[in-house]
Amino acid sequence: MTADETVSAKIAAAFPSLSRGQKQIARFVVDNEYFVVFASAAEVAQQVGVSPATVVRFCQALDYEGYPHLQEAIRQRFPRAAATVKKIEERLTDPVPENDVLAQVFATDIDNIKHTMELVAAETFESAVAEMEGAASILVVGGGIAASAAHFLAHSLKKMGFAVQAVTTGGMPLSLELSALKPDDVLIGISFWRYYRETVDAMSRAKEIGTKRIAITDSELSPLARLADYVFLVATDGVAHSASPTASLALVNAFVAALAFRKPQQTLDALRSVDAGYRESRILLEE
């Protein structure tokens, strides 16, 4: 177990018993390791909106003597972190030049995709794909900015001949789909901070039923991560006020491609059928 894994494991184990302020620090530490490596306790406290004393108590709750000991435990994995830390600090403090927004958005999303690729374990990815391939049906749940990934995944798999539904609104539609959920189905929950209660509740219900659960989320401390059989973390850094869904769409696209390679004939037959339906109904423009 690496030093960073030890810190993550300690945070995950202690998380339920932490105070509200300490939980905010926990999420910040897990999601901003490079910043924490060189930031002071006061700087972390300022970013989270708590007192420096709360940061120290958080470290002690994890059995570290103080903040420097937590830093050192994380730092062991990042010997060349200074350049990344500087970039993050600049992003936190410097305004985006009006004439450089396009470049910064594209650069940030490229970084998000690269970071997400590093976070995805090949074995976990292949296991999750196998679960989807063998599922009787697939239910994809995701609201807010996660809705785009949920719709794209469900739409793509349905065109490939999979029995799949997407629910992005909660309420009665979600209740109806959950009532039909079976142990041989798969539920895919997609949510990023701040997390949608109905998506988390759907994952919890699926766990009670015995349905396999795949989470696409942004933190090891996400409530979805604690309920899932397979967890995929995606980077969601944004230039403006909103998190970015780009990396989650890239991950979903990878699932679609992997399933197409596993089911080539099914995919081909389904796409031919869909195309014939489009032509018969004259939905698409012919050039």
Protein backbone atom coordinates (compact mmCIF):
# COMPACT_ATOMS: atom_id res chain seq x y z
CA MET A 1 0.00 0.00 0.00
CA THR A 2 1.46 3.38 -1.03
CA ALA A 3 1.61 6.42 1.23
CA ASP A 4 -1.16 8.12 -0.74
CA GLU A 5 -3.36 5.02 -0.51
CA THR A 6 -2.78 5.00 3.23
CA VAL A 7 -3.99 8.60 3.52
CA SER A 8 -7.02 7.87 1.34
CA ALA A 9 -7.80 4.74 3.34
CA LYS A 10 -7.55 6.62 6.62
CA ILE A 11 -9.86 9.35 5.36
CA ALA A 12 -12.41 6.85 4.05
CA ALA A 13 -12.40 4.91 7.33
CA ALA A 14 -12.74 7.99 9.51
CA PHE A 15 -15.15 9.90 7.26
CA PRO A 16 -18.48 8.83 8.90
CA SER A 17 -17.30 10.02 12.33
CA LEU A 18 -15.87 13.37 11.21
CA SER A 19 -17.57 16.68 11.97
CA ARG A 20 -19.18 18.64 9.14
CA GLY A 21 -16.17 20.94 8.82
CA GLN A 22 -13.77 18.00 8.91
CA LYS A 23 -15.73 16.25 6.16
CA GLN A 24 -15.34 19.36 4.00
CA ILE A 25 -11.59 19.22 4.59
CA ALA A 26 -11.55 15.49 3.80
CA ARG A 27 -13.18 16.07 0.42
CA PHE A 28 -10.80 18.92 -0.34
CA VAL A 29 -7.71 16.87 0.57
CA VAL A 30 -8.79 13.88 -1.55
CA ASP A 31 -9.67 16.07 -4.55
CA ASN A 32 -6.72 18.49 -4.30
CA GLU A 33 -3.69 16.44 -3.28
CA TYR A 34 -1.23 18.53 -5.31
CA PHE A 35 -2.41 21.72 -3.62
CA VAL A 36 -2.17 20.20 -0.14
CA VAL A 37 1.41 19.05 -0.77
CA PHE A 38 2.74 22.60 -0.52
CA ALA A 39 -0.10 24.69 0.94
CA SER A 40 -0.10 25.68 4.60
CA ALA A 41 -2.83 24.65 7.03
CA ALA A 42 -4.10 28.24 6.92
CA GLU A 43 -4.31 28.16 3.11
CA VAL A 44 -6.25 24.89 3.18
CA ALA A 45 -8.56 26.34 5.84
CA GLN A 46 -9.16 29.42 3.68
CA GLN A 47 -10.03 27.31 0.62
CA VAL A 48 -12.46 25.13 2.58
CA GLY A 49 -13.95 27.93 4.70
CA VAL A 50 -12.97 26.59 8.13
CA SER A 51 -10.48 27.58 10.81
CA PRO A 52 -6.84 26.41 10.81
CA ALA A 53 -7.57 24.72 14.13
CA THR A 54 -10.21 22.58 12.40
CA VAL A 55 -7.59 21.49 9.87
CA VAL A 56 -5.28 20.43 12.69
CA ARG A 57 -8.08 18.53 14.45
CA PHE A 58 -8.88 16.81 11.15
CA CYS A 59 -5.27 15.60 10.90
CA GLN A 60 -5.37 14.34 14.47
CA ALA A 61 -8.62 12.49 13.72
CA LEU A 62 -6.62 10.55 11.13
CA ASP A 63 -3.92 9.73 13.75
CA TYR A 64 -1.41 12.25 12.41
CA GLU A 65 0.32 14.45 14.99
CA GLY A 66 -0.40 17.53 12.92
CA TYR A 67 -0.79 18.99 9.46
CA PRO A 68 2.91 18.66 8.45
CA HIS A 69 2.70 14.90 9.06
CA LEU A 70 -0.36 14.63 6.78
CA GLN A 71 1.51 16.67 4.15
CA GLU A 72 4.52 14.40 4.34
CA ALA A 73 2.39 11.27 3.95
CA ILE A 74 0.89 12.68 0.73
CA ARG A 75 4.15 14.23 -0.49
CA GLN A 76 5.95 10.88 -0.61
CA ARG A 77 4.04 10.03 -3.79
CA PHE A 78 4.58 13.38 -5.52
CA PRO A 79 8.32 14.23 -5.65
CA ARG A 80 7.82 16.44 -8.71
CA ALA A 81 4.58 18.12 -7.67
CA ALA A 82 5.81 21.73 -7.53
CA ALA A 83 4.94 22.62 -11.13
CA THR A 84 1.43 21.18 -10.83
CA VAL A 85 0.87 22.92 -7.50
CA LYS A 86 1.90 26.24 -9.03
CA LYS A 87 -0.56 25.73 -11.89
CA ILE A 88 -3.40 24.97 -9.47
CA GLU A 89 -2.59 27.99 -7.30
CA GLU A 90 -2.59 30.24 -10.37
CA ARG A 91 -5.97 28.85 -11.43
CA LEU A 92 -7.38 29.60 -7.97
CA THR A 93 -6.09 33.17 -7.81
CA ASP A 94 -5.76 34.54 -11.34
CA PRO A 95 -8.76 35.70 -13.38
CA VAL A 96 -9.20 34.20 -16.83
CA PRO A 97 -8.20 36.70 -19.55
CA GLU A 98 -11.24 37.47 -21.69
CA ASN A 99 -9.38 36.77 -24.93
CA ASP A 100 -8.03 33.42 -23.68
CA VAL A 101 -11.21 31.70 -22.48
CA LEU A 102 -11.47 29.33 -25.43
CA ALA A 103 -7.87 28.15 -25.06
CA GLN A 104 -8.17 27.72 -21.28
CA VAL A 105 -11.41 25.74 -21.51
CA PHE A 106 -9.95 23.36 -24.10
CA ALA A 107 -6.66 23.02 -22.17
CA THR A 108 -8.51 22.31 -18.93
CA ASP A 109 -10.68 19.64 -20.52
CA ILE A 110 -7.63 18.01 -22.11
CA ASP A 111 -6.07 17.88 -18.64
CA ASN A 112 -9.31 16.44 -17.26
CA ILE A 113 -9.31 13.63 -19.82
CA LYS A 114 -5.62 12.86 -19.24
CA HIS A 115 -6.11 12.79 -15.47
CA THR A 116 -9.20 10.59 -15.77
CA MET A 117 -7.32 8.15 -17.98
CA GLU A 118 -4.69 7.82 -15.24
CA LEU A 119 -7.40 7.15 -12.65
CA VAL A 120 -9.09 4.31 -14.55
CA ALA A 121 -7.75 0.86 -13.69
CA ALA A 122 -7.82 -1.45 -16.73
CA GLU A 123 -9.00 -4.45 -14.72
CA THR A 124 -11.86 -2.52 -13.15
CA PHE A 125 -12.86 -1.16 -16.54
CA GLU A 126 -12.91 -4.63 -18.13
CA SER A 127 -14.91 -6.07 -15.21
CA ALA A 128 -17.50 -3.30 -15.43
CA VAL A 129 -17.82 -3.78 -19.19
CA ALA A 130 -18.37 -7.50 -18.62
CA GLU A 131 -21.14 -6.73 -16.12
CA MET A 132 -22.87 -4.47 -18.64
CA GLU A 133 -22.47 -7.05 -21.40
CA GLY A 134 -24.12 -9.77 -19.33
CA ALA A 135 -26.86 -7.67 -17.72
CA ALA A 136 -30.51 -8.45 -18.39
CA SER A 137 -31.07 -4.69 -18.53
CA ILE A 138 -29.17 -1.51 -17.68
CA LEU A 139 -30.51 1.52 -15.80
CA VAL A 140 -28.49 4.75 -16.04
CA VAL A 141 -29.27 7.44 -13.45
CA GLY A 142 -27.79 10.94 -13.50
CA GLY A 143 -29.13 14.46 -13.02
CA GLY A 144 -27.77 17.96 -13.50
CA ILE A 145 -24.46 18.10 -15.38
CA ALA A 146 -24.33 14.29 -15.21
CA ALA A 147 -27.47 14.05 -17.36
CA SER A 148 -25.51 14.52 -20.60
CA ALA A 149 -23.33 11.48 -19.91
CA ALA A 150 -26.37 9.44 -18.78
CA HIS A 151 -28.32 10.26 -21.95
CA PHE A 152 -25.34 9.63 -24.23
CA LEU A 153 -24.60 6.24 -22.67
CA ALA A 154 -28.20 5.04 -22.74
CA HIS A 155 -28.82 6.32 -26.28
CA SER A 156 -25.65 4.72 -27.62
CA LEU A 157 -26.25 1.34 -25.97
CA LYS A 158 -29.88 1.26 -27.05
CA LYS A 159 -28.81 1.77 -30.67
CA MET A 160 -26.45 -1.20 -30.18
CA GLY A 161 -29.27 -3.50 -29.13
CA PHE A 162 -28.91 -3.35 -25.33
CA ALA A 163 -31.93 -3.13 -23.03
CA VAL A 164 -31.21 0.19 -21.35
CA GLN A 165 -33.07 3.13 -19.84
CA ALA A 166 -31.85 6.54 -18.66
CA VAL A 167 -33.51 8.55 -15.91
CA THR A 168 -32.31 12.11 -15.30
CA THR A 169 -35.30 13.69 -13.58
CA GLY A 170 -35.93 11.53 -10.52
CA GLY A 171 -39.42 11.45 -9.04
CA MET A 172 -42.02 9.12 -10.57
CA PRO A 173 -39.94 8.05 -13.62
CA LEU A 174 -37.09 6.92 -11.38
CA SER A 175 -39.41 5.17 -8.92
CA LEU A 176 -41.00 3.28 -11.80
CA GLU A 177 -37.66 2.07 -13.14
CA LEU A 178 -36.40 1.09 -9.68
CA SER A 179 -39.55 -0.95 -9.05
CA ALA A 180 -38.60 -3.15 -12.02
CA LEU A 181 -34.93 -3.51 -11.06
CA LYS A 182 -33.69 -7.10 -10.62
CA PRO A 183 -30.49 -8.72 -9.30
CA ASP A 184 -29.37 -9.62 -12.84
CA ASP A 185 -29.58 -5.98 -13.97
CA VAL A 186 -26.91 -3.27 -13.74
CA LEU A 187 -27.41 0.25 -12.39
CA ILE A 188 -25.00 2.98 -13.44
CA GLY A 189 -25.10 6.06 -11.21
CA ILE A 190 -23.46 9.28 -12.41
CA SER A 191 -23.14 12.28 -10.11
CA PHE A 192 -20.61 14.96 -9.21
CA TRP A 193 -20.37 17.35 -6.28
CA ARG A 194 -22.87 18.48 -5.22
CA TYR A 195 -24.46 15.03 -5.36
CA TYR A 196 -28.08 14.40 -6.32
CA ARG A 197 -29.94 12.71 -3.48
CA GLU A 198 -32.13 10.69 -5.87
CA THR A 199 -29.11 9.23 -7.66
CA VAL A 200 -27.59 8.19 -4.33
CA ASP A 201 -30.93 6.74 -3.18
CA ALA A 202 -31.18 4.76 -6.43
CA MET A 203 -27.74 3.24 -5.82
CA SER A 204 -28.75 2.38 -2.25
CA ARG A 205 -31.94 0.70 -3.46
CA ALA A 206 -30.00 -1.27 -6.07
CA LYS A 207 -27.62 -2.48 -3.36
CA GLU A 208 -30.57 -3.74 -1.29
CA ILE A 209 -31.87 -5.67 -4.30
CA GLY A 210 -28.47 -7.15 -5.11
CA THR A 211 -28.13 -5.37 -8.45
CA LYS A 212 -24.57 -4.73 -9.64
CA ARG A 213 -23.69 -1.04 -9.33
CA ILE A 214 -21.27 1.12 -11.32
CA ALA A 215 -20.48 4.64 -10.11
CA ILE A 216 -19.07 7.45 -12.24
CA THR A 217 -18.22 10.25 -9.85
CA ASP A 218 -15.53 12.75 -8.88
CA SER A 219 -14.24 11.66 -5.47
CA GLU A 220 -13.41 8.59 -3.42
CA LEU A 221 -15.56 10.19 -0.72
CA SER A 222 -18.59 10.52 -2.98
CA PRO A 223 -21.63 8.75 -1.51
CA LEU A 224 -21.90 6.90 -4.83
CA ALA A 225 -18.39 5.51 -4.42
CA ARG A 226 -19.28 3.99 -1.06
CA LEU A 227 -22.31 2.18 -2.57
CA ALA A 228 -20.82 0.86 -5.82
CA ASP A 229 -19.23 -2.41 -6.88
CA TYR A 230 -17.16 -0.57 -9.49
CA VAL A 231 -16.04 3.04 -9.03
CA PHE A 232 -14.72 5.31 -11.79
CA LEU A 233 -13.37 8.70 -10.79
CA VAL A 234 -13.38 11.48 -13.36
CA ALA A 235 -11.75 14.92 -13.28
CA THR A 236 -14.28 17.75 -13.49
CA ASP A 237 -12.17 20.92 -13.25
CA GLY A 238 -13.89 23.88 -14.89
CA VAL A 239 -12.71 27.33 -15.91
CA ALA A 240 -15.96 29.09 -15.01
CA HIS A 241 -18.55 28.46 -12.29
CA SER A 242 -19.52 24.95 -13.35
CA ALA A 243 -17.77 21.59 -13.23
CA SER A 244 -16.92 20.12 -16.62
CA PRO A 245 -18.65 16.93 -17.89
CA THR A 246 -16.13 16.37 -20.70
CA ALA A 247 -14.07 13.64 -19.03
CA SER A 248 -17.20 11.76 -17.96
CA LEU A 249 -18.39 11.77 -21.57
CA ALA A 250 -15.00 10.44 -22.68
CA LEU A 251 -15.23 7.62 -20.13
CA VAL A 252 -18.78 6.78 -21.21
CA ASN A 253 -17.62 6.76 -24.83
CA ALA A 254 -14.95 4.23 -23.85
CA PHE A 255 -17.64 1.97 -22.36
CA VAL A 256 -19.64 2.22 -25.60
CA ALA A 257 -16.60 1.35 -27.73
CA ALA A 258 -15.62 -1.58 -25.51
CA LEU A 259 -19.13 -3.04 -25.68
CA ALA A 260 -19.22 -2.60 -29.45
CA PHE A 261 -15.99 -4.63 -29.74
CA ARG A 262 -17.40 -7.32 -27.45
CA LYS A 263 -20.71 -7.53 -29.34
CA PRO A 264 -19.81 -6.75 -32.98
CA GLN A 265 -22.59 -8.71 -34.66
CA GLN A 266 -25.28 -7.53 -32.24
CA THR A 267 -24.09 -3.96 -32.71
CA LEU A 268 -24.05 -4.24 -36.50
CA ASP A 269 -27.51 -5.83 -36.67
CA ALA A 270 -28.98 -3.25 -34.29
CA LEU A 271 -27.45 -0.29 -36.16
CA ARG A 272 -28.78 -1.60 -39.47
CA SER A 273 -32.24 -1.92 -37.95
CA VAL A 274 -32.09 1.58 -36.48
CA ASP A 275 -30.88 3.03 -39.77
CA ALA A 276 -33.71 1.33 -41.65
CA GLY A 277 -36.20 2.77 -39.18
CA TYR A 278 -34.76 6.25 -39.61
CA ARG A 279 -35.02 5.97 -43.40
CA GLU A 280 -38.58 4.64 -43.35
CA SER A 281 -39.77 7.41 -41.06
CA ARG A 282 -37.77 10.05 -42.98
CA ILE A 283 -36.37 11.44 -39.73
CA LEU A 284 -32.98 12.31 -41.22
CA LEU A 285 -32.22 14.68 -44.07
CA GLU A 286 -30.80 12.99 -47.15
CA GLU A 287 -28.09 14.97 -48.93
